[in-house]
N, C-alpha and C. Protein backbone atom coordinates (compact mmCIF):
# COMPACT_ATOMS: atom_id res chain seq x y z
N MET A 1 14.57 16.60 1.29
CA MET A 1 15.08 16.08 0.18
C MET A 1 14.63 15.87 -1.10
N ALA A 2 15.47 16.10 -1.54
CA ALA A 2 15.35 16.46 -3.26
C ALA A 2 14.45 15.12 -4.33
N ALA A 3 14.08 14.92 -5.14
CA ALA A 3 13.19 14.26 -5.82
C ALA A 3 14.51 13.35 -6.56
N LYS A 4 13.97 12.04 -6.46
CA LYS A 4 15.56 10.86 -7.27
C LYS A 4 14.58 10.73 -8.24
N PHE A 5 15.14 9.73 -9.16
CA PHE A 5 14.98 8.35 -9.82
C PHE A 5 15.55 7.44 -9.31
N GLU A 6 14.58 6.07 -9.56
CA GLU A 6 15.28 4.97 -8.97
C GLU A 6 15.14 3.86 -10.04
N LEU A 7 16.35 3.01 -10.41
CA LEU A 7 16.43 2.40 -11.14
C LEU A 7 15.65 0.59 -10.86
N TYR A 8 15.18 -0.27 -11.02
CA TYR A 8 15.43 -1.50 -10.59
C TYR A 8 14.59 -2.17 -11.49
N LYS A 9 14.47 -3.71 -10.79
CA LYS A 9 14.05 -5.26 -12.07
C LYS A 9 12.64 -5.35 -11.37
N ASP A 10 11.55 -5.59 -12.18
CA ASP A 10 10.44 -5.88 -12.09
C ASP A 10 10.25 -7.20 -11.87
N SER A 11 9.09 -7.55 -11.31
CA SER A 11 8.78 -9.28 -11.47
C SER A 11 9.10 -9.87 -12.16
N ALA A 12 9.12 -9.99 -13.62
CA ALA A 12 9.40 -10.04 -14.94
C ALA A 12 10.73 -10.15 -15.21
N GLY A 13 11.71 -9.51 -14.38
CA GLY A 13 12.71 -9.30 -14.59
C GLY A 13 13.28 -8.16 -15.70
N LYS A 14 12.27 -7.16 -16.28
CA LYS A 14 12.11 -5.80 -16.73
C LYS A 14 13.14 -4.79 -15.94
N PHE A 15 13.65 -4.27 -16.75
CA PHE A 15 14.33 -3.03 -16.43
C PHE A 15 13.26 -1.48 -16.19
N ARG A 16 12.85 -0.91 -14.83
CA ARG A 16 12.09 0.15 -14.94
C ARG A 16 12.90 1.31 -13.95
N PHE A 17 11.91 2.51 -14.10
CA PHE A 17 12.34 3.07 -13.47
C PHE A 17 11.25 4.17 -12.75
N ARG A 18 11.57 4.51 -11.61
CA ARG A 18 10.23 5.49 -11.04
C ARG A 18 11.05 6.98 -10.70
N LEU A 19 10.24 7.88 -10.65
CA LEU A 19 10.63 8.87 -10.01
C LEU A 19 10.02 9.37 -8.54
N LYS A 20 10.64 9.21 -7.97
CA LYS A 20 10.09 9.71 -6.14
C LYS A 20 10.10 11.24 -5.78
N ALA A 21 9.07 11.86 -5.28
CA ALA A 21 9.35 13.06 -4.86
C ALA A 21 10.05 13.47 -3.31
N GLY A 22 10.65 14.19 -3.16
CA GLY A 22 11.57 14.41 -1.85
C GLY A 22 10.44 13.92 -0.40
N ASN A 23 9.46 13.92 -0.73
CA ASN A 23 8.57 13.07 0.64
C ASN A 23 8.11 11.79 0.91
N GLY A 24 8.96 10.93 -0.91
CA GLY A 24 9.43 9.39 -0.87
C GLY A 24 8.18 8.93 -2.18
N GLU A 25 6.99 10.10 -2.42
CA GLU A 25 5.89 9.58 -3.36
C GLU A 25 5.99 9.23 -4.37
N ILE A 26 5.85 8.39 -4.67
CA ILE A 26 6.10 7.88 -6.69
C ILE A 26 5.48 9.20 -7.44
N ILE A 27 6.18 9.95 -8.47
CA ILE A 27 4.81 10.33 -9.04
C ILE A 27 5.76 10.03 -10.78
N ALA A 28 6.09 9.73 -10.83
CA ALA A 28 6.03 9.10 -12.56
C ALA A 28 6.78 7.98 -12.29
N LEU A 29 5.91 6.71 -13.32
CA LEU A 29 7.05 5.77 -13.80
C LEU A 29 7.04 5.40 -15.02
N GLY A 30 8.08 4.49 -15.37
CA GLY A 30 8.64 4.72 -16.83
C GLY A 30 8.39 2.78 -17.07
N GLN A 31 8.19 3.04 -18.19
CA GLN A 31 7.73 1.42 -19.24
C GLN A 31 8.68 0.69 -18.58
N ALA A 32 8.89 -0.57 -19.01
CA ALA A 32 9.65 -1.71 -18.60
C ALA A 32 10.21 -1.88 -20.01
N TYR A 33 11.85 -1.95 -19.72
CA TYR A 33 12.89 -1.95 -20.97
C TYR A 33 13.76 -3.52 -20.73
N GLU A 34 14.15 -3.45 -21.96
CA GLU A 34 14.78 -5.05 -21.75
C GLU A 34 15.97 -4.78 -21.03
N SER A 35 16.39 -3.71 -21.37
CA SER A 35 18.28 -3.63 -20.81
C SER A 35 18.17 -2.30 -19.77
N ARG A 36 19.41 -2.62 -18.94
CA ARG A 36 19.50 -1.51 -18.35
C ARG A 36 19.86 0.23 -19.22
N THR A 37 20.74 -0.56 -19.95
CA THR A 37 21.28 1.19 -21.20
C THR A 37 19.56 1.54 -21.17
N ALA A 38 18.92 0.85 -21.87
CA ALA A 38 17.46 1.41 -22.52
C ALA A 38 16.63 2.14 -21.38
N ALA A 39 16.70 1.59 -19.98
CA ALA A 39 16.22 2.39 -19.23
C ALA A 39 16.85 3.34 -18.88
N LEU A 40 18.11 3.30 -18.75
CA LEU A 40 18.71 4.63 -18.37
C LEU A 40 18.43 5.90 -19.34
N ASN A 41 18.40 5.57 -20.69
CA ASN A 41 18.23 6.27 -21.57
C ASN A 41 16.59 7.06 -21.92
N GLY A 42 16.45 5.98 -21.04
CA GLY A 42 14.62 6.54 -20.64
C GLY A 42 14.17 7.72 -19.53
N MET A 43 15.31 7.29 -18.28
CA MET A 43 15.50 8.37 -17.38
C MET A 43 15.84 10.14 -18.37
N GLU A 44 17.16 9.74 -19.07
CA GLU A 44 17.77 10.82 -19.27
C GLU A 44 16.72 11.56 -20.36
N SER A 45 15.75 11.15 -20.92
CA SER A 45 14.83 11.94 -21.93
C SER A 45 13.73 12.26 -21.18
N VAL A 46 13.27 11.88 -20.10
CA VAL A 46 12.31 12.40 -18.97
C VAL A 46 13.37 13.69 -18.24
N MET A 47 14.85 13.59 -18.15
CA MET A 47 15.23 14.48 -17.22
C MET A 47 15.63 16.15 -18.54
N LYS A 48 15.58 15.43 -19.54
CA LYS A 48 15.87 16.51 -20.52
C LYS A 48 14.52 17.13 -21.14
N ASN A 49 13.40 16.68 -21.43
CA ASN A 49 12.34 17.07 -21.89
C ASN A 49 11.33 17.52 -21.03
N ALA A 50 11.09 17.23 -19.19
CA ALA A 50 10.24 17.25 -18.57
C ALA A 50 10.05 19.00 -18.30
N PRO A 51 11.08 19.46 -18.36
CA PRO A 51 11.53 20.59 -17.95
C PRO A 51 10.57 21.69 -18.77
N VAL A 52 10.66 21.65 -20.10
CA VAL A 52 10.04 21.98 -21.37
C VAL A 52 8.07 21.61 -21.68
N ALA A 53 7.87 20.27 -20.70
CA ALA A 53 6.43 19.77 -21.50
C ALA A 53 5.50 20.66 -20.96
N GLY A 54 4.66 20.42 -21.90
CA GLY A 54 3.41 21.35 -21.77
C GLY A 54 2.39 20.35 -20.88
N ILE A 55 1.18 20.90 -20.65
CA ILE A 55 0.03 20.71 -20.19
C ILE A 55 -1.31 20.03 -21.24
N ASP A 56 -1.60 18.86 -21.17
CA ASP A 56 -2.29 18.32 -22.02
C ASP A 56 -3.52 17.98 -21.18
N ASP A 57 -4.61 19.25 -20.83
CA ASP A 57 -5.58 18.68 -19.93
C ASP A 57 -6.87 17.92 -20.58
N GLN A 58 -7.04 16.43 -20.74
CA GLN A 58 -8.29 16.15 -21.27
C GLN A 58 -9.02 15.57 -20.35
N THR A 59 -9.24 16.52 -18.97
CA THR A 59 -10.21 16.09 -18.88
C THR A 59 -11.96 16.45 -19.46
């Protein structure tokens, strides 16, 4: 199974998204958004920018 985004409402009624790996493990979480549209825009931003994102190892 391929990775997928899930859009959901949290316990406070805010919209959030999470990215799940093919094995069902959550590998990324989005912030809380006031609207569904804003959460979808957040997902779109991750999809657009993640392939070119660098690594900033701060350990």
